[in-house]
PDB file of N, CA and C in Angstrom:
ATOM      1  N   MET A   1      -7.534  61.240  66.740  1.00  0.00           N
ATOM      2  CA  MET A   1      -6.472  62.017  67.359  1.00  0.00           C
ATOM      3  C   MET A   1      -5.359  62.219  66.342  1.00  0.00           C
ATOM      4  N   PRO A   2      -4.928  63.453  66.090  1.00  0.00           N
ATOM      5  CA  PRO A   2      -3.867  63.698  65.113  1.00  0.00           C
ATOM      6  C   PRO A   2      -2.528  63.149  65.602  1.00  0.00           C
ATOM      7  N   MET A   3      -1.715  62.744  64.654  1.00  0.00           N
ATOM      8  CA  MET A   3      -0.403  62.219  64.961  1.00  0.00           C
ATOM      9  C   MET A   3       0.543  63.362  65.307  1.00  0.00           C
ATOM     10  N   ARG A   4       1.362  63.184  66.318  1.00  0.00           N
ATOM     11  CA  ARG A   4       2.329  64.213  66.693  1.00  0.00           C
ATOM     12  C   ARG A   4       3.483  64.194  65.716  1.00  0.00           C
ATOM     13  N   LYS A   5       3.796  65.329  65.133  1.00  0.00           N
ATOM     14  CA  LYS A   5       4.856  65.414  64.133  1.00  0.00           C
ATOM     15  C   LYS A   5       6.237  65.533  64.758  1.00  0.00           C
ATOM     16  N   ASP A   6       6.288  65.806  66.064  1.00  0.00           N
ATOM     17  CA  ASP A   6       7.587  65.979  66.703  1.00  0.00           C
ATOM     18  C   ASP A   6       8.163  64.662  67.223  1.00  0.00           C
ATOM     19  N   ILE A   7       7.431  63.578  67.089  1.00  0.00           N
ATOM     20  CA  ILE A   7       7.923  62.291  67.556  1.00  0.00           C
ATOM     21  C   ILE A   7       8.808  61.687  66.476  1.00  0.00           C
ATOM     22  N   LEU A   8      10.011  61.319  66.853  1.00  0.00           N
ATOM     23  CA  LEU A   8      10.939  60.733  65.897  1.00  0.00           C
ATOM     24  C   LEU A   8      10.752  59.229  65.852  1.00  0.00           C
ATOM     25  N   GLY A   9      10.991  58.658  64.707  1.00  0.00           N
ATOM     26  CA  GLY A   9      10.954  57.216  64.557  1.00  0.00           C
ATOM     27  C   GLY A   9      12.359  56.654  64.648  1.00  0.00           C
ATOM     28  N   SER A  10      12.442  55.364  64.527  1.00  0.00           N
ATOM     29  CA  SER A  10      13.732  54.707  64.606  1.00  0.00           C
ATOM     30  C   SER A  10      14.118  54.123  63.258  1.00  0.00           C
ATOM     31  N   PRO A  11      15.234  54.579  62.678  1.00  0.00           N
ATOM     32  CA  PRO A  11      15.673  53.960  61.435  1.00  0.00           C
ATOM     33  C   PRO A  11      16.056  52.504  61.651  1.00  0.00           C
ATOM     34  N   LEU A  12      16.312  52.100  62.904  1.00  0.00           N
ATOM     35  CA  LEU A  12      16.614  50.704  63.197  1.00  0.00           C
ATOM     36  C   LEU A  12      15.439  49.812  62.799  1.00  0.00           C
ATOM     37  N   LYS A  13      14.226  50.250  63.100  1.00  0.00           N
ATOM     38  CA  LYS A  13      13.037  49.483  62.706  1.00  0.00           C
ATOM     39  C   LYS A  13      12.963  49.371  61.188  1.00  0.00           C
ATOM     40  N   LEU A  14      13.234  50.457  60.490  1.00  0.00           N
ATOM     41  CA  LEU A  14      13.224  50.405  59.029  1.00  0.00           C
ATOM     42  C   LEU A  14      14.231  49.387  58.520  1.00  0.00           C
ATOM     43  N   CYS A  15      15.406  49.362  59.121  1.00  0.00           N
ATOM     44  CA  CYS A  15      16.427  48.408  58.696  1.00  0.00           C
ATOM     45  C   CYS A  15      15.964  46.976  58.939  1.00  0.00           C
ATOM     46  N   GLU A  16      15.281  46.752  60.043  1.00  0.00           N
ATOM     47  CA  GLU A  16      14.751  45.417  60.310  1.00  0.00           C
ATOM     48  C   GLU A  16      13.745  45.011  59.241  1.00  0.00           C
ATOM     49  N   TYR A  17      12.934  45.942  58.806  1.00  0.00           N
ATOM     50  CA  TYR A  17      11.959  45.647  57.751  1.00  0.00           C
ATOM     51  C   TYR A  17      12.656  45.463  56.404  1.00  0.00           C
ATOM     52  N   MET A  18      13.604  46.337  56.107  1.00  0.00           N
ATOM     53  CA  MET A  18      14.284  46.309  54.813  1.00  0.00           C
ATOM     54  C   MET A  18      15.078  45.023  54.607  1.00  0.00           C
ATOM     55  N   VAL A  19      15.688  44.512  55.664  1.00  0.00           N
ATOM     56  CA  VAL A  19      16.513  43.311  55.519  1.00  0.00           C
ATOM     57  C   VAL A  19      15.674  42.089  55.144  1.00  0.00           C
ATOM     58  N   CYS A  20      14.372  42.189  55.304  1.00  0.00           N
ATOM     59  CA  CYS A  20      13.478  41.092  54.906  1.00  0.00           C
ATOM     60  C   CYS A  20      13.322  41.001  53.391  1.00  0.00           C
ATOM     61  N   GLY A  21      13.835  41.989  52.677  1.00  0.00           N
ATOM     62  CA  GLY A  21      13.767  41.953  51.222  1.00  0.00           C
ATOM     63  C   GLY A  21      12.415  42.340  50.657  1.00  0.00           C
ATOM     64  N   LYS A  22      11.662  43.104  51.408  1.00  0.00           N
ATOM     65  CA  LYS A  22      10.353  43.581  50.961  1.00  0.00           C
ATOM     66  C   LYS A  22      10.347  45.107  50.959  1.00  0.00           C
ATOM     67  N   PRO A  23       9.598  45.725  50.049  1.00  0.00           N
ATOM     68  CA  PRO A  23       9.514  47.189  50.071  1.00  0.00           C
ATOM     69  C   PRO A  23       8.774  47.656  51.321  1.00  0.00           C
ATOM     70  N   VAL A  24       9.098  48.840  51.767  1.00  0.00           N
ATOM     71  CA  VAL A  24       8.506  49.378  52.989  1.00  0.00           C
ATOM     72  C   VAL A  24       7.737  50.656  52.666  1.00  0.00           C
ATOM     73  N   VAL A  25       6.551  50.778  53.243  1.00  0.00           N
ATOM     74  CA  VAL A  25       5.788  52.032  53.187  1.00  0.00           C
ATOM     75  C   VAL A  25       5.836  52.604  54.595  1.00  0.00           C
ATOM     76  N   ALA A  26       6.363  53.817  54.725  1.00  0.00           N
ATOM     77  CA  ALA A  26       6.534  54.421  56.049  1.00  0.00           C
ATOM     78  C   ALA A  26       6.153  55.894  56.019  1.00  0.00           C
ATOM     79  N   SER A  27       5.988  56.449  57.209  1.00  0.00           N
ATOM     80  CA  SER A  27       5.680  57.869  57.346  1.00  0.00           C
ATOM     81  C   SER A  27       6.860  58.715  56.909  1.00  0.00           C
ATOM     82  N   ARG A  28       6.569  59.822  56.291  1.00  0.00           N
ATOM     83  CA  ARG A  28       7.601  60.758  55.866  1.00  0.00           C
ATOM     84  C   ARG A  28       8.121  61.476  57.122  1.00  0.00           C
ATOM     85  N   LYS A  29       9.259  61.019  57.626  1.00  0.00           N
ATOM     86  CA  LYS A  29       9.908  61.605  58.796  1.00  0.00           C
ATOM     87  C   LYS A  29      11.368  61.828  58.458  1.00  0.00           C
ATOM     88  N   SER A  30      11.998  62.706  59.198  1.00  0.00           N
ATOM     89  CA  SER A  30      13.375  63.072  58.876  1.00  0.00           C
ATOM     90  C   SER A  30      14.348  61.908  58.990  1.00  0.00           C
ATOM     91  N   CYS A  31      14.044  60.924  59.774  1.00  0.00           N
ATOM     92  CA  CYS A  31      14.991  59.814  59.940  1.00  0.00           C
ATOM     93  C   CYS A  31      14.695  58.643  59.005  1.00  0.00           C
ATOM     94  N   PHE A  32      13.694  58.758  58.153  1.00  0.00           N
ATOM     95  CA  PHE A  32      13.312  57.644  57.281  1.00  0.00           C
ATOM     96  C   PHE A  32      13.711  57.849  55.821  1.00  0.00           C
ATOM     97  N   GLU A  33      14.507  58.876  55.540  1.00  0.00           N
ATOM     98  CA  GLU A  33      14.890  59.148  54.152  1.00  0.00           C
ATOM     99  C   GLU A  33      15.657  58.001  53.524  1.00  0.00           C
ATOM    100  N   ILE A  34      16.242  57.127  54.340  1.00  0.00           N
ATOM    101  CA  ILE A  34      17.022  56.029  53.774  1.00  0.00           C
ATOM    102  C   ILE A  34      16.183  55.172  52.833  1.00  0.00           C
ATOM    103  N   LEU A  35      14.874  55.163  53.041  1.00  0.00           N
ATOM    104  CA  LEU A  35      14.007  54.411  52.131  1.00  0.00           C
ATOM    105  C   LEU A  35      14.078  54.964  50.720  1.00  0.00           C
ATOM    106  N   GLU A  36      13.860  56.258  50.591  1.00  0.00           N
ATOM    107  CA  GLU A  36      13.887  56.866  49.265  1.00  0.00           C
ATOM    108  C   GLU A  36      15.307  56.963  48.718  1.00  0.00           C
ATOM    109  N   GLU A  37      16.277  57.258  49.577  1.00  0.00           N
ATOM    110  CA  GLU A  37      17.662  57.367  49.133  1.00  0.00           C
ATOM    111  C   GLU A  37      18.160  56.065  48.516  1.00  0.00           C
ATOM    112  N   ASN A  38      17.673  54.944  49.018  1.00  0.00           N
ATOM    113  CA  ASN A  38      18.107  53.635  48.539  1.00  0.00           C
ATOM    114  C   ASN A  38      17.058  52.951  47.672  1.00  0.00           C
ATOM    115  N   LYS A  39      16.016  53.701  47.328  1.00  0.00           N
ATOM    116  CA  LYS A  39      14.929  53.156  46.498  1.00  0.00           C
ATOM    117  C   LYS A  39      14.433  51.829  47.054  1.00  0.00           C
ATOM    118  N   ALA A  40      14.177  51.839  48.375  1.00  0.00           N
ATOM    119  CA  ALA A  40      13.770  50.630  49.083  1.00  0.00           C
ATOM    120  C   ALA A  40      12.332  50.691  49.577  1.00  0.00           C
ATOM    121  N   GLY A  41      11.636  51.778  49.290  1.00  0.00           N
ATOM    122  CA  GLY A  41      10.264  51.905  49.752  1.00  0.00           C
ATOM    123  C   GLY A  41       9.702  53.274  49.443  1.00  0.00           C
ATOM    124  N   LEU A  42       8.534  53.516  49.989  1.00  0.00           N
ATOM    125  CA  LEU A  42       7.817  54.764  49.721  1.00  0.00           C
ATOM    126  C   LEU A  42       7.505  55.469  51.028  1.00  0.00           C
ATOM    127  N   LEU A  43       7.669  56.786  51.030  1.00  0.00           N
ATOM    128  CA  LEU A  43       7.319  57.590  52.197  1.00  0.00           C
ATOM    129  C   LEU A  43       6.009  58.317  51.928  1.00  0.00           C
ATOM    130  N   VAL A  44       5.156  58.354  52.934  1.00  0.00           N
ATOM    131  CA  VAL A  44       3.846  58.984  52.795  1.00  0.00           C
ATOM    132  C   VAL A  44       3.576  59.909  53.973  1.00  0.00           C
ATOM    133  N   ASP A  45       2.686  60.835  53.759  1.00  0.00           N
ATOM    134  CA  ASP A  45       2.236  61.742  54.821  1.00  0.00           C
ATOM    135  C   ASP A  45       1.483  60.904  55.853  1.00  0.00           C
ATOM    136  N   PRO A  46       1.917  60.930  57.119  1.00  0.00           N
ATOM    137  CA  PRO A  46       1.274  60.100  58.134  1.00  0.00           C
ATOM    138  C   PRO A  46      -0.186  60.466  58.410  1.00  0.00           C
ATOM    139  N   GLU A  47      -0.591  61.648  57.987  1.00  0.00           N
ATOM    140  CA  GLU A  47      -1.974  62.064  58.229  1.00  0.00           C
ATOM    141  C   GLU A  47      -2.830  61.978  56.971  1.00  0.00           C
ATOM    142  N   ASN A  48      -2.356  61.281  55.957  1.00  0.00           N
ATOM    143  CA  ASN A  48      -3.082  61.181  54.702  1.00  0.00           C
ATOM    144  C   ASN A  48      -3.322  59.707  54.355  1.00  0.00           C
ATOM    145  N   PRO A  49      -4.450  59.149  54.807  1.00  0.00           N
ATOM    146  CA  PRO A  49      -4.715  57.733  54.541  1.00  0.00           C
ATOM    147  C   PRO A  49      -4.821  57.408  53.057  1.00  0.00           C
ATOM    148  N   GLN A  50      -5.248  58.370  52.239  1.00  0.00           N
ATOM    149  CA  GLN A  50      -5.339  58.127  50.801  1.00  0.00           C
ATOM    150  C   GLN A  50      -3.942  57.935  50.200  1.00  0.00           C
ATOM    151  N   GLU A  51      -2.997  58.707  50.667  1.00  0.00           N
ATOM    152  CA  GLU A  51      -1.629  58.572  50.176  1.00  0.00           C
ATOM    153  C   GLU A  51      -1.043  57.217  50.592  1.00  0.00           C
ATOM    154  N   PHE A  52      -1.334  56.814  51.809  1.00  0.00           N
ATOM    155  CA  PHE A  52      -0.874  55.510  52.308  1.00  0.00           C
ATOM    156  C   PHE A  52      -1.466  54.387  51.457  1.00  0.00           C
ATOM    157  N   ALA A  53      -2.767  54.453  51.231  1.00  0.00           N
ATOM    158  CA  ALA A  53      -3.441  53.442  50.411  1.00  0.00           C
ATOM    159  C   ALA A  53      -2.883  53.454  48.983  1.00  0.00           C
ATOM    160  N   GLY A  54      -2.643  54.634  48.443  1.00  0.00           N
ATOM    161  CA  GLY A  54      -2.104  54.749  47.093  1.00  0.00           C
ATOM    162  C   GLY A  54      -0.726  54.111  46.970  1.00  0.00           C
ATOM    163  N   ALA A  55       0.097  54.270  47.994  1.00  0.00           N
ATOM    164  CA  ALA A  55       1.439  53.673  47.975  1.00  0.00           C
ATOM    165  C   ALA A  55       1.341  52.146  47.986  1.00  0.00           C
ATOM    166  N   ILE A  56       0.444  51.636  48.796  1.00  0.00           N
ATOM    167  CA  ILE A  56       0.269  50.177  48.858  1.00  0.00           C
ATOM    168  C   ILE A  56      -0.259  49.652  47.525  1.00  0.00           C
ATOM    169  N   ILE A  57      -1.227  50.347  46.964  1.00  0.00           N
ATOM    170  CA  ILE A  57      -1.787  49.923  45.670  1.00  0.00           C
ATOM    171  C   ILE A  57      -0.723  49.972  44.583  1.00  0.00           C
ATOM    172  N   LYS A  58       0.095  51.014  44.600  1.00  0.00           N
ATOM    173  CA  LYS A  58       1.175  51.125  43.612  1.00  0.00           C
ATOM    174  C   LYS A  58       2.080  49.900  43.676  1.00  0.00           C
ATOM    175  N   LEU A  59       2.443  49.498  44.886  1.00  0.00           N
ATOM    176  CA  LEU A  59       3.312  48.333  45.042  1.00  0.00           C
ATOM    177  C   LEU A  59       2.598  47.034  44.664  1.00  0.00           C
ATOM    178  N   LEU A  60       1.336  46.931  45.009  1.00  0.00           N
ATOM    179  CA  LEU A  60       0.579  45.725  44.654  1.00  0.00           C
ATOM    180  C   LEU A  60       0.466  45.548  43.146  1.00  0.00           C
ATOM    181  N   ARG A  61       0.370  46.653  42.440  1.00  0.00           N
ATOM    182  CA  ARG A  61       0.184  46.605  40.988  1.00  0.00           C
ATOM    183  C   ARG A  61       1.490  46.453  40.199  1.00  0.00           C
ATOM    184  N   ASP A  62       2.618  46.604  40.868  1.00  0.00           N
ATOM    185  CA  ASP A  62       3.900  46.586  40.155  1.00  0.00           C
ATOM    186  C   ASP A  62       4.868  45.585  40.797  1.00  0.00           C
ATOM    187  N   PRO A  63       4.782  44.309  40.408  1.00  0.00           N
ATOM    188  CA  PRO A  63       5.646  43.286  41.016  1.00  0.00           C
ATOM    189  C   PRO A  63       7.142  43.554  40.813  1.00  0.00           C
ATOM    190  N   GLU A  64       7.499  44.130  39.673  1.00  0.00           N
ATOM    191  CA  GLU A  64       8.920  44.414  39.424  1.00  0.00           C
ATOM    192  C   GLU A  64       9.425  45.505  40.374  1.00  0.00           C
ATOM    193  N   LEU A  65       8.611  46.529  40.604  1.00  0.00           N
ATOM    194  CA  LEU A  65       8.978  47.588  41.552  1.00  0.00           C
ATOM    195  C   LEU A  65       9.131  47.002  42.954  1.00  0.00           C
ATOM    196  N   ARG A  66       8.184  46.156  43.356  1.00  0.00           N
ATOM    197  CA  ARG A  66       8.264  45.503  44.678  1.00  0.00           C
ATOM    198  C   ARG A  66       9.567  44.724  44.801  1.00  0.00           C
ATOM    199  N   LYS A  67       9.865  43.941  43.783  1.00  0.00           N
ATOM    200  CA  LYS A  67      11.067  43.108  43.808  1.00  0.00           C
ATOM    201  C   LYS A  67      12.320  43.975  43.902  1.00  0.00           C
ATOM    202  N   GLN A  68      12.397  45.006  43.064  1.00  0.00           N
ATOM    203  CA  GLN A  68      13.582  45.860  43.045  1.00  0.00           C
ATOM    204  C   GLN A  68      13.756  46.609  44.356  1.00  0.00           C
ATOM    205  N   MET A  69      12.675  47.161  44.890  1.00  0.00           N
ATOM    206  CA  MET A  69      12.765  47.878  46.164  1.00  0.00           C
ATOM    207  C   MET A  69      13.183  46.938  47.292  1.00  0.00           C
ATOM    208  N   GLY A  70      12.624  45.731  47.288  1.00  0.00           N
ATOM    209  CA  GLY A  70      12.999  44.752  48.308  1.00  0.00           C
ATOM    210  C   GLY A  70      14.483  44.406  48.234  1.00  0.00           C
ATOM    211  N   GLU A  71      14.971  44.175  47.030  1.00  0.00           N
ATOM    212  CA  GLU A  71      16.392  43.860  46.842  1.00  0.00           C
ATOM    213  C   GLU A  71      17.270  45.038  47.244  1.00  0.00           C
ATOM    214  N   ASN A  72      16.862  46.245  46.863  1.00  0.00           N
ATOM    215  CA  ASN A  72      17.635  47.441  47.216  1.00  0.00           C
ATOM    216  C   ASN A  72      17.740  47.604  48.729  1.00  0.00           C
ATOM    217  N   GLY A  73      16.628  47.406  49.428  1.00  0.00           N
ATOM    218  CA  GLY A  73      16.626  47.561  50.880  1.00  0.00           C
ATOM    219  C   GLY A  73      17.520  46.544  51.560  1.00  0.00           C
ATOM    220  N   ARG A  74      17.399  45.293  51.153  1.00  0.00           N
ATOM    221  CA  ARG A  74      18.223  44.236  51.751  1.00  0.00           C
ATOM    222  C   ARG A  74      19.708  44.503  51.495  1.00  0.00           C
ATOM    223  N   LYS A  75      20.027  44.863  50.262  1.00  0.00           N
ATOM    224  CA  LYS A  75      21.419  45.127  49.905  1.00  0.00           C
ATOM    225  C   LYS A  75      21.995  46.259  50.763  1.00  0.00           C
ATOM    226  N   TYR A  76      21.212  47.324  50.940  1.00  0.00           N
ATOM    227  CA  TYR A  76      21.668  48.449  51.756  1.00  0.00           C
ATOM    228  C   TYR A  76      21.943  48.019  53.193  1.00  0.00           C
ATOM    229  N   VAL A  77      20.994  47.304  53.796  1.00  0.00           N
ATOM    230  CA  VAL A  77      21.145  46.925  55.205  1.00  0.00           C
ATOM    231  C   VAL A  77      22.317  45.967  55.395  1.00  0.00           C
ATOM    232  N   VAL A  78      22.414  44.959  54.553  1.00  0.00           N
ATOM    233  CA  VAL A  78      23.510  43.990  54.683  1.00  0.00           C
ATOM    234  C   VAL A  78      24.859  44.687  54.496  1.00  0.00           C
ATOM    235  N   GLY A  79      24.935  45.611  53.562  1.00  0.00           N
ATOM    236  CA  GLY A  79      26.200  46.284  53.284  1.00  0.00           C
ATOM    237  C   GLY A  79      26.559  47.403  54.230  1.00  0.00           C
ATOM    238  N   ASN A  80      25.568  47.988  54.904  1.00  0.00           N
ATOM    239  CA  ASN A  80      25.835  49.190  55.707  1.00  0.00           C
ATOM    240  C   ASN A  80      25.377  49.145  57.154  1.00  0.00           C
ATOM    241  N   ARG A  81      24.444  48.292  57.485  1.00  0.00           N
ATOM    242  CA  ARG A  81      23.879  48.330  58.835  1.00  0.00           C
ATOM    243  C   ARG A  81      23.925  46.992  59.568  1.00  0.00           C
ATOM    244  N   SER A  82      24.415  45.950  58.932  1.00  0.00           N
ATOM    245  CA  SER A  82      24.472  44.647  59.604  1.00  0.00           C
ATOM    246  C   SER A  82      25.589  44.673  60.650  1.00  0.00           C
ATOM    247  N   TRP A  83      25.550  43.738  61.582  1.00  0.00           N
ATOM    248  CA  TRP A  83      26.597  43.660  62.594  1.00  0.00           C
ATOM    249  C   TRP A  83      27.955  43.459  61.924  1.00  0.00           C
ATOM    250  N   GLU A  84      27.978  42.633  60.887  1.00  0.00           N
ATOM    251  CA  GLU A  84      29.229  42.367  60.180  1.00  0.00           C
ATOM    252  C   GLU A  84      29.800  43.641  59.546  1.00  0.00           C
ATOM    253  N   SER A  85      28.948  44.409  58.876  1.00  0.00           N
ATOM    254  CA  SER A  85      29.449  45.622  58.228  1.00  0.00           C
ATOM    255  C   SER A  85      29.876  46.663  59.257  1.00  0.00           C
ATOM    256  N   VAL A  86      29.150  46.768  60.352  1.00  0.00           N
ATOM    257  CA  VAL A  86      29.524  47.725  61.408  1.00  0.00           C
ATOM    258  C   VAL A  86      30.848  47.291  62.052  1.00  0.00           C
ATOM    259  N   ALA A  87      30.995  45.984  62.310  1.00  0.00           N
ATOM    260  CA  ALA A  87      32.240  45.483  62.896  1.00  0.00           C
ATOM    261  C   ALA A  87      33.421  45.742  61.962  1.00  0.00           C
ATOM    262  N   ARG A  88      33.207  45.570  60.666  1.00  0.00           N
ATOM    263  CA  ARG A  88      34.263  45.829  59.682  1.00  0.00           C
ATOM    264  C   ARG A  88      34.688  47.300  59.749  1.00  0.00           C
ATOM    265  N   LYS A  89      33.717  48.205  59.839  1.00  0.00           N
ATOM    266  CA  LYS A  89      34.031  49.641  59.905  1.00  0.00           C
ATOM    267  C   LYS A  89      34.781  49.988  61.193  1.00  0.00           C
ATOM    268  N   VAL A  90      34.371  49.379  62.311  1.00  0.00           N
ATOM    269  CA  VAL A  90      35.056  49.614  63.585  1.00  0.00           C
ATOM    270  C   VAL A  90      36.492  49.101  63.503  1.00  0.00           C
ATOM    271  N   ALA A  91      36.685  47.919  62.922  1.00  0.00           N
ATOM    272  CA  ALA A  91      38.029  47.354  62.772  1.00  0.00           C
ATOM    273  C   ALA A  91      38.901  48.261  61.909  1.00  0.00           C
ATOM    274  N   GLU A  92      38.341  48.824  60.850  1.00  0.00           N
ATOM    275  CA  GLU A  92      39.103  49.732  59.986  1.00  0.00           C
ATOM    276  C   GLU A  92      39.555  50.971  60.754  1.00  0.00           C
ATOM    277  N   VAL A  93      38.664  51.518  61.568  1.00  0.00           N
ATOM    278  CA  VAL A  93      39.018  52.695  62.364  1.00  0.00           C
ATOM    279  C   VAL A  93      40.104  52.340  63.373  1.00  0.00           C
ATOM    280  N   CYS A  94      39.965  51.180  64.014  1.00  0.00           N
ATOM    281  CA  CYS A  94      40.976  50.752  64.990  1.00  0.00           C
ATOM    282  C   CYS A  94      42.335  50.580  64.326  1.00  0.00           C
ATOM    283  N   GLU A  95      42.355  49.954  63.165  1.00  0.00           N
ATOM    284  CA  GLU A  95      43.608  49.774  62.432  1.00  0.00           C
ATOM    285  C   GLU A  95      44.245  51.115  62.071  1.00  0.00           C
ATOM    286  N   GLN A  96      43.417  52.056  61.669  1.00  0.00           N
ATOM    287  CA  GLN A  96      43.923  53.377  61.316  1.00  0.00           C
ATOM    288  C   GLN A  96      44.526  54.069  62.523  1.00  0.00           C
ATOM    289  N   VAL A  97      43.863  53.984  63.666  1.00  0.00           N
ATOM    290  CA  VAL A  97      44.371  54.608  64.893  1.00  0.00           C
ATOM    291  C   VAL A  97      45.689  53.968  65.305  1.00  0.00           C
ATOM    292  N   ILE A  98      45.762  52.636  65.205  1.00  0.00           N
ATOM    293  CA  ILE A  98      47.005  51.930  65.571  1.00  0.00           C
ATOM    294  C   ILE A  98      48.151  52.366  64.656  1.00  0.00           C
ATOM    295  N   LYS A  99      47.899  52.489  63.368  1.00  0.00           N
ATOM    296  CA  LYS A  99      48.931  52.924  62.424  1.00  0.00           C
ATOM    297  C   LYS A  99      49.394  54.340  62.740  1.00  0.00           C
ATOM    298  N   GLU A 100      48.436  55.220  63.055  1.00  0.00           N
ATOM    299  CA  GLU A 100      48.783  56.616  63.372  1.00  0.00           C
ATOM    300  C   GLU A 100      49.597  56.703  64.643  1.00  0.00           C
ATOM    301  N   ARG A 101      49.270  55.887  65.618  1.00  0.00           N
ATOM    302  CA  ARG A 101      50.005  55.921  66.906  1.00  0.00           C
ATOM    303  C   ARG A 101      51.393  55.330  66.756  1.00  0.00           C
ATOM    304  N   ALA A 102      51.559  54.412  65.803  1.00  0.00           N
ATOM    305  CA  ALA A 102      52.862  53.773  65.592  1.00  0.00           C
ATOM    306  C   ALA A 102      53.858  54.737  64.954  1.00  0.00           C
ATOM    307  N   ARG A 103      53.374  55.800  64.319  1.00  0.00           N
ATOM    308  CA  ARG A 103      54.262  56.768  63.650  1.00  0.00           C
ATOM    309  C   ARG A 103      54.996  57.637  64.596  1.00  0.00           C
TER     310      ARG A 103
END
């Protein structure tokens, strides 16, 4: 059965995988670009098993690439998607609103 291309994935799942410090191989979907943008994994055509296998083999053969992608993914999630980083951003917005209202 062919995969439906209109089904969206969850970048939340990617973040859960990335925070483990391992590279991720995922389907090329519009919401998964964070992998390539942060050099944290590889995106493949979901209907191309050879491409999927090739991505896994590439990572298996290159320990330095695996290590770097894993570190990149973890760094991105901890700095941008963790509860702590989100809370920090919310606090900054609240502080800004309070300052603006005080004027």
